Protein backbone atom coordinates (compact mmCIF):
# COMPACT_ATOMS: atom_id res chain seq x y z
CA UNK A 1 9.51 -30.50 6.85
CA UNK A 2 7.52 -28.03 8.95
CA UNK A 3 10.76 -26.67 10.41
CA UNK A 4 12.17 -26.14 6.93
CA UNK A 5 9.00 -24.36 5.84
CA UNK A 6 8.97 -22.14 8.92
CA UNK A 7 12.61 -21.24 8.40
CA UNK A 8 12.00 -20.50 4.73
CA UNK A 9 8.98 -18.35 5.56
CA UNK A 10 10.97 -16.40 8.18
CA UNK A 11 13.73 -15.75 5.66
CA UNK A 12 11.16 -14.60 3.10
CA UNK A 13 9.50 -12.29 5.63
CA UNK A 14 12.85 -10.82 6.64
CA UNK A 15 13.81 -10.28 2.99
CA UNK A 16 10.51 -8.55 2.19
CA UNK A 17 10.76 -6.31 5.26
CA UNK A 18 14.34 -5.41 4.30
CA UNK A 19 13.19 -4.55 0.76
CA UNK A 20 10.42 -2.34 2.15
CA UNK A 21 12.85 -0.53 4.46
CA UNK A 22 15.21 0.01 1.52
CA UNK A 23 12.33 1.36 -0.57
CA UNK A 24 11.52 3.73 2.27
CA UNK A 25 14.96 5.26 2.76
CA UNK A 26 16.05 5.44 -0.90
CA UNK A 27 14.50 8.54 -2.50
CA UNK A 28 11.70 7.88 -5.07
CA UNK A 29 12.21 4.10 -4.88
CA UNK A 30 9.14 3.22 -2.83
CA UNK A 31 7.48 6.62 -2.41
CA UNK A 32 7.26 8.95 -5.39
CA UNK A 33 6.76 12.60 -4.30
CA UNK A 34 3.91 14.44 -6.03
CA UNK A 35 4.13 17.66 -3.98
CA UNK A 36 0.94 17.31 -1.94
CA UNK A 37 1.35 13.56 -1.30
CA UNK A 38 3.41 10.50 -2.27
CA UNK A 39 2.51 7.88 -4.86
CA UNK A 40 3.58 4.42 -3.69
CA UNK A 41 4.89 1.16 -5.08
CA UNK A 42 6.03 -0.14 -1.69
CA UNK A 43 2.75 -2.04 -1.39
CA UNK A 44 3.93 -4.56 -4.00
CA UNK A 45 6.13 -6.55 -1.53
CA UNK A 46 3.07 -6.72 0.74
CA UNK A 47 0.97 -8.34 -2.00
CA UNK A 48 3.80 -10.67 -3.03
CA UNK A 49 4.33 -11.72 0.57
CA UNK A 50 0.62 -12.39 1.12
CA UNK A 51 0.44 -14.67 -1.91
CA UNK A 52 3.59 -16.58 -0.98
CA UNK A 53 3.12 -16.68 2.81
CA UNK A 54 -0.62 -16.29 3.41
CA UNK A 55 -2.98 -13.49 4.48
CA UNK A 56 -1.83 -13.26 8.12
CA UNK A 57 1.77 -12.60 7.17
CA UNK A 58 0.47 -10.32 4.43
CA UNK A 59 -1.30 -8.27 7.10
CA UNK A 60 1.93 -8.09 9.12
CA UNK A 61 3.81 -6.86 6.05
CA UNK A 62 1.04 -4.32 5.50
CA UNK A 63 1.54 -3.13 9.07
CA UNK A 64 5.26 -2.69 8.32
CA UNK A 65 4.28 -0.67 5.25
CA UNK A 66 2.05 1.49 7.44
CA UNK A 67 4.81 2.24 9.91
CA UNK A 68 7.26 3.05 7.09
CA UNK A 69 4.66 5.47 5.74
CA UNK A 70 4.36 7.12 9.16
CA UNK A 71 8.15 7.33 9.44
CA UNK A 72 8.45 8.73 5.91
CA UNK A 73 5.81 11.38 6.50
CA UNK A 74 7.22 12.31 9.91
CA UNK A 75 10.97 12.42 9.36
CA UNK A 76 12.16 11.49 5.89
CA UNK A 77 9.84 13.12 3.36
CA UNK A 78 7.16 15.26 5.02
CA UNK A 79 4.84 17.16 2.68
CA UNK A 80 1.86 19.50 2.83
CA UNK A 81 -0.57 16.76 3.87
CA UNK A 82 1.66 14.49 5.95
CA UNK A 83 -0.57 15.09 8.98
CA UNK A 84 -3.11 12.62 7.54
CA UNK A 85 -0.53 9.81 7.85
CA UNK A 86 1.20 10.69 11.10
CA UNK A 87 0.07 12.17 14.41
CA UNK A 88 3.50 13.78 14.83
CA UNK A 89 3.02 16.46 12.16
CA UNK A 90 1.05 19.60 12.96
CA UNK A 91 -2.12 20.34 11.00
CA UNK A 92 -2.69 23.78 9.43
CA UNK A 93 -4.94 24.72 12.37
CA UNK A 94 -2.18 23.80 14.81
CA UNK A 95 -3.69 20.54 16.00
CA UNK A 96 -2.78 16.90 15.39
CA UNK A 97 -4.46 14.19 13.37
CA UNK A 98 -4.12 11.87 16.37
CA UNK A 99 -5.90 8.52 16.09
CA UNK A 100 -7.37 9.53 12.73
CA UNK A 101 -3.89 9.66 11.21
CA UNK A 102 -3.00 6.29 12.73
CA UNK A 103 -6.15 4.70 11.28
CA UNK A 104 -5.44 6.03 7.79
CA UNK A 105 -1.78 5.05 7.96
CA UNK A 106 -2.20 1.49 9.26
CA UNK A 107 -5.62 -0.05 8.59
CA UNK A 108 -5.72 0.22 4.75
CA UNK A 109 -2.14 -1.05 4.55
CA UNK A 110 -2.92 -4.12 6.68
CA UNK A 111 -5.76 -4.99 4.30
CA UNK A 112 -3.65 -4.78 1.12
CA UNK A 113 -2.20 -8.27 1.43
CA UNK A 114 -5.40 -9.78 2.82
CA UNK A 115 -7.51 -8.55 -0.12
CA UNK A 116 -4.75 -9.41 -2.60
CA UNK A 117 -4.49 -12.97 -1.26
CA UNK A 118 -8.22 -13.66 -1.39
CA UNK A 119 -8.52 -12.07 -4.84
CA UNK A 120 -5.81 -14.46 -6.01
CA UNK A 121 -7.60 -17.47 -4.46
CA UNK A 122 -10.95 -16.37 -5.89
CA UNK A 123 -9.63 -16.25 -9.46
CA UNK A 124 -7.97 -19.66 -9.05
CA UNK A 125 -11.22 -21.09 -7.72
CA UNK A 126 -12.86 -20.23 -11.05
CA UNK A 127 -9.91 -20.71 -13.43
CA UNK A 128 -7.46 -23.15 -11.83
CA UNK A 129 -4.87 -22.89 -14.59
CA UNK A 130 -4.89 -19.09 -14.86
CA UNK A 131 -2.20 -18.41 -12.28
CA UNK A 132 -0.74 -15.35 -14.00
CA UNK A 133 -4.21 -13.85 -14.34
CA UNK A 134 -4.82 -14.56 -10.65
CA UNK A 135 -1.54 -12.88 -9.72
CA UNK A 136 -2.35 -9.83 -11.81
CA UNK A 137 -5.80 -9.52 -10.27
CA UNK A 138 -4.25 -9.87 -6.80
CA UNK A 139 -1.84 -7.02 -7.50
CA UNK A 140 -4.59 -4.77 -8.86
CA UNK A 141 -6.98 -5.62 -5.99
CA UNK A 142 -4.37 -5.03 -3.29
CA UNK A 143 -3.30 -1.72 -4.77
CA UNK A 144 -6.86 -0.47 -5.31
CA UNK A 145 -7.71 -1.44 -1.73
CA UNK A 146 -4.96 0.85 -0.48
CA UNK A 147 -5.94 3.78 -2.70
CA UNK A 148 -9.68 3.58 -2.12
CA UNK A 149 -9.46 3.17 1.64
CA UNK A 150 -6.78 5.82 2.15
CA UNK A 151 -8.45 8.48 0.00
CA UNK A 152 -11.96 7.82 1.33
CA UNK A 153 -10.76 7.83 4.93
CA UNK A 154 -8.96 11.12 4.26
CA UNK A 155 -12.23 12.52 2.90
CA UNK A 156 -14.34 11.36 5.85
CA UNK A 157 -11.81 12.03 8.63
CA UNK A 158 -10.13 15.24 7.44
CA UNK A 159 -12.28 16.65 4.63
CA UNK A 160 -11.65 20.31 3.85
CA UNK A 161 -8.59 20.46 6.13
CA UNK A 162 -6.84 18.11 3.69
CA UNK A 163 -8.06 20.06 0.67
CA UNK A 164 -6.84 23.35 2.11
CA UNK A 165 -3.43 21.93 3.00
CA UNK A 166 -3.09 20.42 -0.48
CA UNK A 167 -4.27 23.72 -2.00
CA UNK A 168 -6.93 21.94 -4.00
CA UNK A 169 -9.60 23.71 -6.00
CA UNK A 170 -12.83 22.22 -4.65
CA UNK A 171 -15.38 24.37 -6.50
CA UNK A 172 -17.00 21.22 -7.93
CA UNK A 173 -16.94 19.44 -4.58
CA UNK A 174 -14.21 17.89 -2.49
CA UNK A 175 -15.18 14.32 -3.30
CA UNK A 176 -14.89 15.03 -7.02
CA UNK A 177 -11.28 16.04 -6.36
CA UNK A 178 -10.74 12.88 -4.28
CA UNK A 179 -12.08 10.80 -7.18
CA UNK A 180 -9.66 12.60 -9.47
CA UNK A 181 -6.73 11.65 -7.23
CA UNK A 182 -7.99 8.05 -7.09
CA UNK A 183 -8.14 7.87 -10.89
CA UNK A 184 -4.94 9.75 -11.69
CA UNK A 185 -2.78 8.02 -9.06
CA UNK A 186 -4.67 4.86 -8.14
CA UNK A 187 -5.27 3.41 -11.59
CA UNK A 188 -1.63 3.61 -12.80
CA UNK A 189 -0.45 2.27 -9.40
CA UNK A 190 -2.90 -0.64 -9.68
CA UNK A 191 -1.85 -1.53 -13.22
CA UNK A 192 1.81 -1.42 -12.25
CA UNK A 193 1.12 -3.52 -9.15
CA UNK A 194 -0.72 -6.12 -11.22
CA UNK A 195 2.10 -6.45 -13.75
CA UNK A 196 4.91 -6.50 -11.18
CA UNK A 197 3.12 -8.92 -8.85
CA UNK A 198 2.67 -11.42 -11.69
CA UNK A 199 6.29 -11.06 -12.82
CA UNK A 200 7.85 -11.23 -9.35
CA UNK A 201 5.83 -14.13 -7.97
CA UNK A 202 6.23 -16.14 -11.21
CA UNK A 203 10.00 -15.58 -11.06
CA UNK A 204 10.15 -16.64 -7.40
CA UNK A 205 8.16 -19.78 -8.14
CA UNK A 206 10.58 -20.63 -10.95
CA UNK A 207 13.60 -20.14 -8.70
CA UNK A 208 11.97 -22.30 -6.04
CA UNK A 209 11.38 -25.12 -8.54
CA UNK A 210 14.94 -24.90 -9.87
């Protein structure tokens, strides 16, 4: 039985990684260009995988997401602020983001599935029968984790360099602009992630039972 489960989990991991790679290379499928950055829905397979396979595999899938983001920003779809996600793109001052870019690109993405999984378990611990609610909360929590960590790390690690590259008007303060990005991009992404996570995982459970 353990062998069957391990094989099934490996197949699921491979399928989710393949989906993420497809979402990376197909234009606007996983990364939606906004000019100064990309909105993402590629984090949804990470959350789904964490719920189905556990937080450790969710973290691995998040790491895959991080590397696809670095690849996208380096070679496939670089934009004005790609240097915050990859050390291989030159900053406006001619330098490199270095380890700061790696931290922003990888650490928040590894935590997406972990937070999503434990949010799901936390809701079930209170309302055992509310599985769809738990799935929705997991999707929202995982997505918000990505947005909050990425944007706050950009603020603390790159600050005005990011604002200048993105040609942002920061008269009212840079963090006010960061909050605007979080609200305008992060909230719709989180809602979409919550809905899709609930639909996808419920459908996979139904197929598994059938």
